C-alpha atoms as a PDB file:
ATOM      1  CA  MET A   1     -35.043  48.738  13.797  1.00  0.00           C
ATOM      2  CA  LEU A   2     -35.969  51.548  11.368  1.00  0.00           C
ATOM      3  CA  GLU A   3     -33.985  49.842   8.583  1.00  0.00           C
ATOM      4  CA  ARG A   4     -35.873  46.581   9.228  1.00  0.00           C
ATOM      5  CA  ILE A   5     -39.259  48.360   8.987  1.00  0.00           C
ATOM      6  CA  SER A   6     -38.179  50.078   5.734  1.00  0.00           C
ATOM      7  CA  ALA A   7     -37.044  46.760   4.224  1.00  0.00           C
ATOM      8  CA  THR A   8     -40.322  45.162   5.282  1.00  0.00           C
ATOM      9  CA  ASN A   9     -42.309  47.957   3.677  1.00  0.00           C
ATOM     10  CA  ASP A  10     -40.266  47.673   0.453  1.00  0.00           C
ATOM     11  CA  TYR A  11     -40.888  43.935   0.395  1.00  0.00           C
ATOM     12  CA  GLU A  12     -44.624  44.304   0.997  1.00  0.00           C
ATOM     13  CA  GLY A  13     -44.859  47.002  -1.673  1.00  0.00           C
ATOM     14  CA  ALA A  14     -43.009  44.834  -4.174  1.00  0.00           C
ATOM     15  CA  ARG A  15     -45.228  41.877  -3.280  1.00  0.00           C
ATOM     16  CA  LEU A  16     -48.352  43.996  -3.847  1.00  0.00           C
ATOM     17  CA  ILE A  17     -47.127  45.220  -7.244  1.00  0.00           C
ATOM     18  CA  SER A  18     -46.189  41.654  -8.182  1.00  0.00           C
ATOM     19  CA  ASP A  19     -49.706  40.483  -7.338  1.00  0.00           C
ATOM     20  CA  VAL A  20     -51.231  43.319  -9.365  1.00  0.00           C
ATOM     21  CA  LEU A  21     -49.010  42.595 -12.383  1.00  0.00           C
ATOM     22  CA  THR A  22     -49.661  38.854 -12.236  1.00  0.00           C
ATOM     23  CA  LEU A  23     -53.431  39.263 -12.034  1.00  0.00           C
ATOM     24  CA  TYR A  24     -53.531  41.936 -14.737  1.00  0.00           C
ATOM     25  CA  TYR A  25     -51.003  40.660 -17.301  1.00  0.00           C
ATOM     26  CA  VAL A  26     -50.857  36.901 -16.681  1.00  0.00           C
ATOM     27  CA  GLN A  27     -54.407  36.091 -15.574  1.00  0.00           C
ATOM     28  CA  GLU A  28     -55.767  38.911 -17.775  1.00  0.00           C
ATOM     29  CA  LEU A  29     -58.188  40.321 -15.208  1.00  0.00           C
ATOM     30  CA  THR A  30     -59.509  43.835 -15.666  1.00  0.00           C
ATOM     31  CA  GLN A  31     -58.264  46.580 -13.367  1.00  0.00           C
ATOM     32  CA  ALA A  32     -61.623  46.537 -11.562  1.00  0.00           C
ATOM     33  CA  GLU A  33     -61.384  42.760 -11.066  1.00  0.00           C
ATOM     34  CA  VAL A  34     -57.817  43.089  -9.748  1.00  0.00           C
ATOM     35  CA  GLY A  35     -59.028  45.730  -7.280  1.00  0.00           C
ATOM     36  CA  ARG A  36     -61.822  43.536  -5.976  1.00  0.00           C
ATOM     37  CA  ARG A  37     -59.485  40.552  -5.668  1.00  0.00           C
ATOM     38  CA  LEU A  38     -56.927  42.574  -3.654  1.00  0.00           C
ATOM     39  CA  GLY A  39     -59.353  44.809  -1.795  1.00  0.00           C
ATOM     40  CA  MET A  40     -58.315  48.128  -3.323  1.00  0.00           C
ATOM     41  CA  SER A  41     -59.794  50.737  -5.654  1.00  0.00           C
ATOM     42  CA  THR A  42     -59.476  50.583  -9.436  1.00  0.00           C
ATOM     43  CA  ALA A  43     -57.663  53.930  -9.312  1.00  0.00           C
ATOM     44  CA  LYS A  44     -54.998  52.457  -7.010  1.00  0.00           C
ATOM     45  CA  VAL A  45     -54.562  49.471  -9.317  1.00  0.00           C
ATOM     46  CA  ASN A  46     -54.027  51.885 -12.213  1.00  0.00           C
ATOM     47  CA  ARG A  47     -51.457  53.884 -10.209  1.00  0.00           C
ATOM     48  CA  LEU A  48     -49.538  50.710  -9.310  1.00  0.00           C
ATOM     49  CA  LEU A  49     -49.507  49.583 -12.945  1.00  0.00           C
ATOM     50  CA  GLN A  50     -48.124  52.954 -14.060  1.00  0.00           C
ATOM     51  CA  GLN A  51     -45.544  52.881 -11.235  1.00  0.00           C
ATOM     52  CA  ALA A  52     -44.414  49.428 -12.325  1.00  0.00           C
ATOM     53  CA  ARG A  53     -43.935  50.665 -15.901  1.00  0.00           C
ATOM     54  CA  ARG A  54     -41.976  53.738 -14.790  1.00  0.00           C
ATOM     55  CA  GLN A  55     -39.689  51.602 -12.607  1.00  0.00           C
ATOM     56  CA  GLY A  56     -38.974  49.123 -15.392  1.00  0.00           C
ATOM     57  CA  MET A  57     -40.846  46.227 -13.815  1.00  0.00           C
ATOM     58  CA  VAL A  58     -42.802  45.560 -17.022  1.00  0.00           C
ATOM     59  CA  GLU A  59     -41.215  44.595 -20.333  1.00  0.00           C
ATOM     60  CA  VAL A  60     -43.390  44.556 -23.442  1.00  0.00           C
ATOM     61  CA  THR A  61     -42.387  41.999 -26.071  1.00  0.00           C
ATOM     62  CA  ILE A  62     -44.274  42.059 -29.355  1.00  0.00           C
ATOM     63  CA  ARG A  63     -44.507  38.741 -31.194  1.00  0.00           C
ATOM     64  CA  VAL A  64     -46.902  39.228 -34.069  1.00  0.00           C
ATOM     65  CA  PRO A  65     -46.764  37.185 -37.286  1.00  0.00           C
ATOM     66  CA  PHE A  66     -44.006  38.446 -39.631  1.00  0.00           C
ATOM     67  CA  GLN A  67     -42.486  40.539 -36.847  1.00  0.00           C
ATOM     68  CA  HIS A  68     -39.054  39.895 -38.351  1.00  0.00           C
ATOM     69  CA  LEU A  69     -40.184  41.656 -41.539  1.00  0.00           C
ATOM     70  CA  PHE A  70     -41.333  44.703 -39.584  1.00  0.00           C
ATOM     71  CA  GLU A  71     -37.951  44.777 -37.870  1.00  0.00           C
ATOM     72  CA  LEU A  72     -36.240  44.718 -41.282  1.00  0.00           C
ATOM     73  CA  GLU A  73     -38.425  47.653 -42.339  1.00  0.00           C
ATOM     74  CA  ALA A  74     -37.412  49.623 -39.259  1.00  0.00           C
ATOM     75  CA  ARG A  75     -33.744  48.850 -39.909  1.00  0.00           C
ATOM     76  CA  LEU A  76     -33.976  49.997 -43.540  1.00  0.00           C
ATOM     77  CA  LYS A  77     -35.383  53.323 -42.371  1.00  0.00           C
ATOM     78  CA  ALA A  78     -32.778  53.731 -39.644  1.00  0.00           C
ATOM     79  CA  VAL A  79     -29.726  52.776 -41.725  1.00  0.00           C
ATOM     80  CA  PHE A  80     -30.581  54.448 -45.039  1.00  0.00           C
ATOM     81  CA  GLY A  81     -32.765  57.322 -43.878  1.00  0.00           C
ATOM     82  CA  ILE A  82     -35.780  56.523 -46.036  1.00  0.00           C
ATOM     83  CA  GLU A  83     -39.234  57.571 -44.891  1.00  0.00           C
ATOM     84  CA  GLU A  84     -40.978  54.226 -45.237  1.00  0.00           C
ATOM     85  CA  ALA A  85     -40.250  50.612 -46.125  1.00  0.00           C
ATOM     86  CA  VAL A  86     -42.513  47.661 -46.895  1.00  0.00           C
ATOM     87  CA  VAL A  87     -40.861  44.232 -46.792  1.00  0.00           C
ATOM     88  CA  ILE A  88     -42.935  41.270 -47.944  1.00  0.00           C
ATOM     89  CA  PRO A  89     -42.152  37.562 -47.412  1.00  0.00           C
ATOM     90  CA  SER A  90     -40.008  35.930 -50.093  1.00  0.00           C
ATOM     91  CA  ILE A  91     -41.701  33.231 -52.167  1.00  0.00           C
ATOM     92  CA  VAL A  92     -38.727  31.317 -53.530  1.00  0.00           C
ATOM     93  CA  GLU A  93     -40.574  28.558 -55.332  1.00  0.00           C
ATOM     94  CA  ASP A  94     -42.859  30.720 -57.481  1.00  0.00           C
ATOM     95  CA  ALA A  95     -41.530  33.779 -59.330  1.00  0.00           C
ATOM     96  CA  ASP A  96     -44.978  34.691 -60.649  1.00  0.00           C
ATOM     97  CA  ALA A  97     -46.437  34.649 -57.142  1.00  0.00           C
ATOM     98  CA  MET A  98     -43.532  36.826 -55.978  1.00  0.00           C
ATOM     99  CA  VAL A  99     -44.231  39.479 -58.610  1.00  0.00           C
ATOM    100  CA  HIS A 100     -47.960  39.369 -57.868  1.00  0.00           C
ATOM    101  CA  THR A 101     -47.383  39.793 -54.136  1.00  0.00           C
ATOM    102  CA  LEU A 102     -44.928  42.627 -54.720  1.00  0.00           C
ATOM    103  CA  GLY A 103     -47.424  44.345 -57.009  1.00  0.00           C
ATOM    104  CA  ARG A 104     -50.182  44.092 -54.447  1.00  0.00           C
ATOM    105  CA  ALA A 105     -47.952  45.537 -51.716  1.00  0.00           C
ATOM    106  CA  GLY A 106     -46.867  48.361 -54.022  1.00  0.00           C
ATOM    107  CA  ALA A 107     -50.454  49.103 -55.031  1.00  0.00           C
ATOM    108  CA  ASP A 108     -51.580  49.227 -51.393  1.00  0.00           C
ATOM    109  CA  TYR A 109     -48.738  51.595 -50.551  1.00  0.00           C
ATOM    110  CA  LEU A 110     -49.489  53.862 -53.514  1.00  0.00           C
ATOM    111  CA  LEU A 111     -53.207  54.044 -52.678  1.00  0.00           C
ATOM    112  CA  ARG A 112     -52.420  55.016 -49.080  1.00  0.00           C
ATOM    113  CA  HIS A 113     -50.277  57.947 -50.200  1.00  0.00           C
ATOM    114  CA  ILE A 114     -51.936  59.558 -53.219  1.00  0.00           C
ATOM    115  CA  ARG A 115     -54.393  62.424 -52.935  1.00  0.00           C
ATOM    116  CA  ASP A 116     -56.670  64.258 -55.345  1.00  0.00           C
ATOM    117  CA  GLY A 117     -54.637  66.712 -57.379  1.00  0.00           C
ATOM    118  CA  ASP A 118     -51.470  64.598 -57.390  1.00  0.00           C
ATOM    119  CA  VAL A 119     -49.288  64.140 -60.447  1.00  0.00           C
ATOM    120  CA  ILE A 120     -47.865  60.607 -60.500  1.00  0.00           C
ATOM    121  CA  ALA A 121     -44.724  60.050 -62.556  1.00  0.00           C
ATOM    122  CA  ILE A 122     -43.990  56.459 -63.556  1.00  0.00           C
ATOM    123  CA  GLY A 123     -41.249  54.411 -65.149  1.00  0.00           C
ATOM    124  CA  GLY A 124     -41.436  51.047 -66.861  1.00  0.00           C
ATOM    125  CA  GLY A 125     -40.533  47.547 -65.737  1.00  0.00           C
ATOM    126  CA  THR A 126     -42.109  44.359 -64.413  1.00  0.00           C
ATOM    127  CA  ALA A 127     -42.526  45.729 -60.878  1.00  0.00           C
ATOM    128  CA  VAL A 128     -44.399  48.843 -62.015  1.00  0.00           C
ATOM    129  CA  HIS A 129     -46.507  46.658 -64.298  1.00  0.00           C
ATOM    130  CA  ALA A 130     -47.333  44.396 -61.328  1.00  0.00           C
ATOM    131  CA  VAL A 131     -48.369  47.406 -59.242  1.00  0.00           C
ATOM    132  CA  THR A 132     -50.546  48.588 -62.125  1.00  0.00           C
ATOM    133  CA  GLN A 133     -52.337  45.253 -62.377  1.00  0.00           C
ATOM    134  CA  ALA A 134     -52.925  45.107 -58.616  1.00  0.00           C
ATOM    135  CA  LEU A 135     -54.541  48.545 -58.260  1.00  0.00           C
ATOM    136  CA  GLU A 136     -58.076  48.206 -56.897  1.00  0.00           C
ATOM    137  CA  PRO A 137     -59.069  51.586 -55.456  1.00  0.00           C
ATOM    138  CA  THR A 138     -62.291  51.971 -53.515  1.00  0.00           C
ATOM    139  CA  ARG A 139     -62.917  55.407 -55.025  1.00  0.00           C
ATOM    140  CA  SER A 140     -61.804  57.545 -57.949  1.00  0.00           C
ATOM    141  CA  TYR A 141     -58.830  59.889 -57.670  1.00  0.00           C
ATOM    142  CA  ASP A 142     -58.475  63.176 -59.519  1.00  0.00           C
ATOM    143  CA  VAL A 143     -54.857  62.543 -60.494  1.00  0.00           C
ATOM    144  CA  ALA A 144     -52.654  62.795 -63.550  1.00  0.00           C
ATOM    145  CA  VAL A 145     -50.281  60.004 -64.549  1.00  0.00           C
ATOM    146  CA  VAL A 146     -47.253  60.799 -66.698  1.00  0.00           C
ATOM    147  CA  PRO A 147     -44.206  58.815 -67.920  1.00  0.00           C
ATOM    148  CA  THR A 148     -40.775  59.919 -66.751  1.00  0.00           C
ATOM    149  CA  SER A 149     -39.210  58.778 -70.002  1.00  0.00           C
ATOM    150  CA  GLY A 150     -39.833  57.352 -73.416  1.00  0.00           C
ATOM    151  CA  GLY A 151     -40.606  53.676 -73.736  1.00  0.00           C
ATOM    152  CA  VAL A 152     -40.357  50.548 -75.795  1.00  0.00           C
ATOM    153  CA  GLN A 153     -43.469  49.252 -77.523  1.00  0.00           C
ATOM    154  CA  GLY A 154     -44.296  45.580 -77.831  1.00  0.00           C
ATOM    155  CA  LEU A 155     -44.204  44.543 -74.174  1.00  0.00           C
ATOM    156  CA  ALA A 156     -46.705  45.700 -71.557  1.00  0.00           C
ATOM    157  CA  TYR A 157     -44.043  46.386 -68.953  1.00  0.00           C
ATOM    158  CA  THR A 158     -41.759  48.427 -71.262  1.00  0.00           C
ATOM    159  CA  ASP A 159     -44.527  50.517 -72.829  1.00  0.00           C
ATOM    160  CA  VAL A 160     -44.766  53.409 -70.381  1.00  0.00           C
ATOM    161  CA  ASN A 161     -47.671  55.001 -72.259  1.00  0.00           C
ATOM    162  CA  TYR A 162     -49.680  51.819 -71.795  1.00  0.00           C
ATOM    163  CA  LEU A 163     -48.793  51.706 -68.097  1.00  0.00           C
ATOM    164  CA  ALA A 164     -49.716  55.369 -67.615  1.00  0.00           C
ATOM    165  CA  SER A 165     -53.089  54.811 -69.314  1.00  0.00           C
ATOM    166  CA  GLU A 166     -53.803  51.698 -67.244  1.00  0.00           C
ATOM    167  CA  ILE A 167     -52.954  53.375 -63.943  1.00  0.00           C
ATOM    168  CA  ALA A 168     -54.994  56.458 -64.819  1.00  0.00           C
ATOM    169  CA  GLU A 169     -57.979  54.356 -65.855  1.00  0.00           C
ATOM    170  CA  ARG A 170     -57.892  52.286 -62.678  1.00  0.00           C
ATOM    171  CA  LEU A 171     -57.592  55.387 -60.490  1.00  0.00           C
ATOM    172  CA  GLY A 172     -60.178  57.374 -62.410  1.00  0.00           C
ATOM    173  CA  GLY A 173     -57.642  60.008 -63.438  1.00  0.00           C
ATOM    174  CA  ARG A 174     -56.100  61.112 -66.711  1.00  0.00           C
ATOM    175  CA  ALA A 175     -52.941  60.023 -68.486  1.00  0.00           C
ATOM    176  CA  TYR A 176     -50.327  61.899 -70.464  1.00  0.00           C
ATOM    177  CA  GLN A 177     -48.483  60.189 -73.305  1.00  0.00           C
ATOM    178  CA  LEU A 178     -44.824  60.607 -74.206  1.00  0.00           C
ATOM    179  CA  HIS A 179     -44.338  59.589 -77.819  1.00  0.00           C
ATOM    180  CA  ALA A 180     -40.609  58.960 -77.896  1.00  0.00           C
ATOM    181  CA  PRO A 181     -38.216  56.034 -77.442  1.00  0.00           C
ATOM    182  CA  ILE A 182     -36.375  55.779 -74.154  1.00  0.00           C
ATOM    183  CA  PHE A 183     -32.990  55.325 -75.803  1.00  0.00           C
ATOM    184  CA  VAL A 184     -31.566  56.884 -78.986  1.00  0.00           C
ATOM    185  CA  GLU A 185     -28.309  56.616 -80.906  1.00  0.00           C
ATOM    186  CA  THR A 186     -26.609  59.869 -79.924  1.00  0.00           C
ATOM    187  CA  ARG A 187     -26.774  62.724 -77.437  1.00  0.00           C
ATOM    188  CA  GLU A 188     -27.678  65.041 -80.321  1.00  0.00           C
ATOM    189  CA  GLN A 189     -30.723  62.918 -81.141  1.00  0.00           C
ATOM    190  CA  ARG A 190     -31.719  63.008 -77.469  1.00  0.00           C
ATOM    191  CA  ASP A 191     -31.400  66.786 -77.331  1.00  0.00           C
ATOM    192  CA  MET A 192     -33.405  67.208 -80.521  1.00  0.00           C
ATOM    193  CA  LEU A 193     -36.230  64.972 -79.290  1.00  0.00           C
ATOM    194  CA  GLN A 194     -36.396  66.661 -75.902  1.00  0.00           C
ATOM    195  CA  SER A 195     -36.586  70.085 -77.559  1.00  0.00           C
ATOM    196  CA  ILE A 196     -39.672  69.130 -79.596  1.00  0.00           C
ATOM    197  CA  GLU A 197     -42.649  70.834 -77.951  1.00  0.00           C
ATOM    198  CA  PRO A 198     -44.881  67.759 -77.340  1.00  0.00           C
ATOM    199  CA  VAL A 199     -41.992  65.849 -75.711  1.00  0.00           C
ATOM    200  CA  LYS A 200     -40.778  68.906 -73.810  1.00  0.00           C
ATOM    201  CA  LYS A 201     -44.318  69.525 -72.481  1.00  0.00           C
ATOM    202  CA  ILE A 202     -44.743  65.992 -71.109  1.00  0.00           C
ATOM    203  CA  LEU A 203     -41.314  65.949 -69.460  1.00  0.00           C
ATOM    204  CA  ASN A 204     -42.077  69.311 -67.839  1.00  0.00           C
ATOM    205  CA  ILE A 205     -45.287  67.850 -66.409  1.00  0.00           C
ATOM    206  CA  ALA A 206     -43.273  64.907 -65.075  1.00  0.00           C
ATOM    207  CA  ARG A 207     -40.871  67.356 -63.419  1.00  0.00           C
ATOM    208  CA  GLN A 208     -43.821  68.794 -61.465  1.00  0.00           C
ATOM    209  CA  ALA A 209     -44.869  65.374 -60.124  1.00  0.00           C
ATOM    210  CA  ASN A 210     -45.196  64.952 -56.378  1.00  0.00           C
ATOM    211  CA  VAL A 211     -45.212  61.128 -56.488  1.00  0.00           C
ATOM    212  CA  ALA A 212     -42.929  58.845 -58.510  1.00  0.00           C
ATOM    213  CA  LEU A 213     -43.377  55.083 -58.939  1.00  0.00           C
ATOM    214  CA  MET A 214     -40.229  53.484 -60.346  1.00  0.00           C
ATOM    215  CA  GLY A 215     -38.563  50.113 -60.602  1.00  0.00           C
ATOM    216  CA  VAL A 216     -34.931  49.568 -59.671  1.00  0.00           C
ATOM    217  CA  GLY A 217     -33.241  47.491 -62.334  1.00  0.00           C
ATOM    218  CA  ALA A 218     -30.296  45.113 -62.395  1.00  0.00           C
ATOM    219  CA  LEU A 219     -27.704  45.037 -65.187  1.00  0.00           C
ATOM    220  CA  ASP A 220     -27.762  41.343 -66.046  1.00  0.00           C
ATOM    221  CA  TYR A 221     -27.672  40.956 -69.835  1.00  0.00           C
ATOM    222  CA  GLU A 222     -29.864  37.838 -69.793  1.00  0.00           C
ATOM    223  CA  VAL A 223     -32.779  39.232 -67.787  1.00  0.00           C
ATOM    224  CA  SER A 224     -32.329  42.978 -67.357  1.00  0.00           C
ATOM    225  CA  ARG A 225     -35.085  45.253 -68.560  1.00  0.00           C
ATOM    226  CA  TYR A 226     -32.321  47.804 -69.109  1.00  0.00           C
ATOM    227  CA  VAL A 227     -31.182  45.690 -72.056  1.00  0.00           C
ATOM    228  CA  LYS A 228     -34.731  45.637 -73.412  1.00  0.00           C
ATOM    229  CA  PHE A 229     -35.001  49.424 -73.055  1.00  0.00           C
ATOM    230  CA  THR A 230     -31.640  50.169 -74.658  1.00  0.00           C
ATOM    231  CA  ALA A 231     -30.960  47.166 -76.933  1.00  0.00           C
ATOM    232  CA  LEU A 232     -27.326  47.318 -75.872  1.00  0.00           C
ATOM    233  CA  SER A 233     -24.957  44.515 -76.821  1.00  0.00           C
ATOM    234  CA  PRO A 234     -23.256  42.118 -74.390  1.00  0.00           C
ATOM    235  CA  GLU A 235     -20.071  44.105 -74.992  1.00  0.00           C
ATOM    236  CA  ASP A 236     -21.806  47.325 -73.978  1.00  0.00           C
ATOM    237  CA  MET A 237     -23.145  45.708 -70.827  1.00  0.00           C
ATOM    238  CA  GLU A 238     -19.714  44.312 -69.976  1.00  0.00           C
ATOM    239  CA  ARG A 239     -18.227  47.776 -70.372  1.00  0.00           C
ATOM    240  CA  ILE A 240     -20.841  49.283 -68.073  1.00  0.00           C
ATOM    241  CA  ALA A 241     -20.187  46.628 -65.433  1.00  0.00           C
ATOM    242  CA  GLU A 242     -16.380  46.524 -65.650  1.00  0.00           C
ATOM    243  CA  ASP A 243     -15.242  49.958 -66.782  1.00  0.00           C
ATOM    244  CA  CYS A 244     -18.005  52.074 -65.286  1.00  0.00           C
ATOM    245  CA  LYS A 245     -18.670  49.818 -62.266  1.00  0.00           C
ATOM    246  CA  GLY A 246     -22.423  50.102 -62.832  1.00  0.00           C
ATOM    247  CA  VAL A 247     -24.600  47.960 -60.553  1.00  0.00           C
ATOM    248  CA  GLY A 248     -28.142  49.145 -61.221  1.00  0.00           C
ATOM    249  CA  GLU A 249     -30.395  51.571 -63.027  1.00  0.00           C
ATOM    250  CA  ILE A 250     -33.420  53.757 -62.476  1.00  0.00           C
ATOM    251  CA  GLY A 251     -35.203  55.111 -65.534  1.00  0.00           C
ATOM    252  CA  ALA A 252     -32.350  53.698 -67.683  1.00  0.00           C
ATOM    253  CA  PHE A 253     -29.782  55.842 -65.831  1.00  0.00           C
ATOM    254  CA  VAL A 254     -26.970  53.723 -64.409  1.00  0.00           C
ATOM    255  CA  PHE A 255     -25.370  54.175 -60.983  1.00  0.00           C
ATOM    256  CA  ASP A 256     -22.525  52.482 -59.126  1.00  0.00           C
ATOM    257  CA  VAL A 257     -22.515  50.754 -55.727  1.00  0.00           C
ATOM    258  CA  ALA A 258     -22.231  54.114 -53.950  1.00  0.00           C
ATOM    259  CA  GLY A 259     -25.209  55.443 -55.887  1.00  0.00           C
ATOM    260  CA  ARG A 260     -23.125  57.758 -58.055  1.00  0.00           C
ATOM    261  CA  PRO A 261     -24.361  58.202 -61.648  1.00  0.00           C
ATOM    262  CA  CYS A 262     -22.015  56.524 -64.118  1.00  0.00           C
ATOM    263  CA  ALA A 263     -21.879  55.306 -67.728  1.00  0.00           C
ATOM    264  CA  GLN A 264     -22.448  58.900 -68.846  1.00  0.00           C
ATOM    265  CA  GLU A 265     -22.111  58.153 -72.566  1.00  0.00           C
ATOM    266  CA  TYR A 266     -25.189  55.919 -72.256  1.00  0.00           C
ATOM    267  CA  ALA A 267     -27.022  58.322 -69.952  1.00  0.00           C
ATOM    268  CA  ASP A 268     -26.618  61.034 -72.612  1.00  0.00           C
ATOM    269  CA  ARG A 269     -28.781  58.910 -74.929  1.00  0.00           C
ATOM    270  CA  VAL A 270     -31.760  58.515 -72.573  1.00  0.00           C
ATOM    271  CA  VAL A 271     -34.934  60.463 -73.360  1.00  0.00           C
ATOM    272  CA  GLY A 272     -36.352  61.220 -69.940  1.00  0.00           C
ATOM    273  CA  LEU A 273     -35.865  62.828 -66.558  1.00  0.00           C
ATOM    274  CA  SER A 274     -32.337  62.547 -65.188  1.00  0.00           C
ATOM    275  CA  LEU A 275     -31.535  60.968 -61.819  1.00  0.00           C
ATOM    276  CA  PRO A 276     -31.217  64.376 -60.089  1.00  0.00           C
ATOM    277  CA  GLU A 277     -34.600  65.394 -61.530  1.00  0.00           C
ATOM    278  CA  LEU A 278     -36.200  62.168 -60.349  1.00  0.00           C
ATOM    279  CA  GLN A 279     -34.605  62.646 -56.947  1.00  0.00           C
ATOM    280  CA  ARG A 280     -36.359  66.010 -56.555  1.00  0.00           C
ATOM    281  CA  ILE A 281     -39.826  64.432 -56.722  1.00  0.00           C
ATOM    282  CA  PRO A 282     -41.160  64.676 -53.123  1.00  0.00           C
ATOM    283  CA  LEU A 283     -42.242  61.034 -52.764  1.00  0.00           C
ATOM    284  CA  PHE A 284     -40.095  58.631 -54.775  1.00  0.00           C
ATOM    285  CA  ILE A 285     -41.351  55.058 -54.387  1.00  0.00           C
ATOM    286  CA  GLY A 286     -38.954  52.317 -55.476  1.00  0.00           C
ATOM    287  CA  VAL A 287     -40.355  48.843 -56.158  1.00  0.00           C
ATOM    288  CA  ALA A 288     -38.073  45.811 -56.613  1.00  0.00           C
ATOM    289  CA  ALA A 289     -37.701  42.321 -55.177  1.00  0.00           C
ATOM    290  CA  THR A 290     -35.648  39.086 -55.116  1.00  0.00           C
ATOM    291  CA  SER A 291     -32.019  38.632 -54.161  1.00  0.00           C
ATOM    292  CA  ALA A 292     -30.960  39.627 -57.702  1.00  0.00           C
ATOM    293  CA  LYS A 293     -32.010  43.183 -56.832  1.00  0.00           C
ATOM    294  CA  SER A 294     -29.935  43.426 -53.631  1.00  0.00           C
ATOM    295  CA  LEU A 295     -26.962  45.133 -55.264  1.00  0.00           C
ATOM    296  CA  PRO A 296     -29.014  47.606 -57.341  1.00  0.00           C
ATOM    297  CA  LEU A 297     -31.126  48.446 -54.290  1.00  0.00           C
ATOM    298  CA  TYR A 298     -28.029  48.941 -52.141  1.00  0.00           C
ATOM    299  CA  GLY A 299     -26.663  51.424 -54.673  1.00  0.00           C
ATOM    300  CA  ALA A 300     -30.017  53.193 -54.977  1.00  0.00           C
ATOM    301  CA  LEU A 301     -30.339  53.490 -51.184  1.00  0.00           C
ATOM    302  CA  ARG A 302     -26.790  54.767 -50.786  1.00  0.00           C
ATOM    303  CA  GLY A 303     -27.430  57.280 -53.549  1.00  0.00           C
ATOM    304  CA  GLY A 304     -30.437  58.636 -51.661  1.00  0.00           C
ATOM    305  CA  TYR A 305     -32.806  58.202 -54.594  1.00  0.00           C
ATOM    306  CA  LEU A 306     -35.615  56.509 -52.693  1.00  0.00           C
ATOM    307  CA  ASP A 307     -38.031  58.007 -50.170  1.00  0.00           C
ATOM    308  CA  ALA A 308     -39.933  54.740 -49.835  1.00  0.00           C
ATOM    309  CA  LEU A 309     -39.129  51.154 -50.783  1.00  0.00           C
ATOM    310  CA  VAL A 310     -41.413  48.193 -51.432  1.00  0.00           C
ATOM    311  CA  THR A 311     -39.345  45.012 -51.583  1.00  0.00           C
ATOM    312  CA  ASP A 312     -39.028  41.489 -50.200  1.00  0.00           C
ATOM    313  CA  GLU A 313     -37.088  39.752 -47.455  1.00  0.00           C
ATOM    314  CA  ALA A 314     -34.465  38.198 -49.757  1.00  0.00           C
ATOM    315  CA  ALA A 315     -33.543  41.528 -51.330  1.00  0.00           C
ATOM    316  CA  THR A 316     -33.484  43.248 -47.931  1.00  0.00           C
ATOM    317  CA  ARG A 317     -31.202  40.676 -46.337  1.00  0.00           C
ATOM    318  CA  GLY A 318     -28.924  40.942 -49.356  1.00  0.00           C
ATOM    319  CA  VAL A 319     -28.823  44.723 -48.933  1.00  0.00           C
ATOM    320  CA  PHE A 320     -27.797  44.407 -45.285  1.00  0.00           C
ATOM    321  CA  LYS A 321     -25.169  41.806 -46.128  1.00  0.00           C
ATOM    322  CA  LEU A 322     -23.623  44.267 -48.582  1.00  0.00           C
ATOM    323  CA  PHE A 323     -23.888  47.056 -46.027  1.00  0.00           C
ATOM    324  CA  GLU A 324     -22.137  44.999 -43.343  1.00  0.00           C
ATOM    325  CA  GLU A 325     -19.370  43.925 -45.741  1.00  0.00           C
ATOM    326  CA  ASP A 326     -18.891  47.513 -46.829  1.00  0.00           C
ATOM    327  CA  PHE A 327     -18.875  48.750 -43.221  1.00  0.00           C
ATOM    328  CA  ARG A 328     -16.282  46.164 -42.191  1.00  0.00           C
ATOM    329  CA  GLY A 329     -14.165  46.991 -45.229  1.00  0.00           C
ATOM    330  CA  ARG A 330     -14.113  50.680 -44.391  1.00  0.00           C
ATOM    331  CA  ALA A 331     -13.328  49.945 -40.747  1.00  0.00           C
ATOM    332  CA  VAL A 332     -10.157  47.966 -41.586  1.00  0.00           C
END
């Protein structure tokens, strides 16, 4: 008899909670309205709702637009240990629209994270140029903008001094100029240039940066900005890809699929901060998109160079495909 009464009470309690949940979540009544409908106080309705949550009777499913992109962002952070990720939709049919969208996302991210007094170190490339063009701050920032390396004049996205000036002007800050090429003929030339006081001074300022904005480049001879920075021959690029196993570059420094620096004979000719120096900047923001950047991004993420990544869905899915293939290969 006691067992029957207990079962009856459990049933009635479950029925009451079911009624409360239905009225509150399905019919979208307020807690006060639920109380009036069921003849109980608002406080009791609140207690029953909390009890239902604690006992696992309520499951919350979020279905907002682009939820799959937010899930990719969360996975990037979990798998690669980066602080933040922004994944934008891929726009396959329009490359210009893709770059514009990436630039806007990168600009929004940068504006959310800079503060007065910051030193912002920048590299060259189409992605950084797109971020520059998309910057529309609502106030001025007392910041300094400095190149991480020399540059190549003639193109807006390879001229780091131009990019630094543009970013500083748009933010209301000041720009430093590094009057040197990014790539020279020999290590001795590099050492000589970096010992000259004006060059040494600018690179030392870049070393003190607390924010870095850098592209992540591919090593495709036909389209790579690395080729434009270095003017290397197809034979040089083939050697980097085959002998050195290079898959990507940051600041003209090449790394392999595991993120290890490689192609040292070319790295010795770069006028600029090295990969370890760039890695020490507290907030390193990488910006790159499209499936062509999947392999370079995978190497950069494995190397731990990035604190934050602004990219697109195609590149992100390519990164995870490489990760899964690599994981399965190591598990065999």
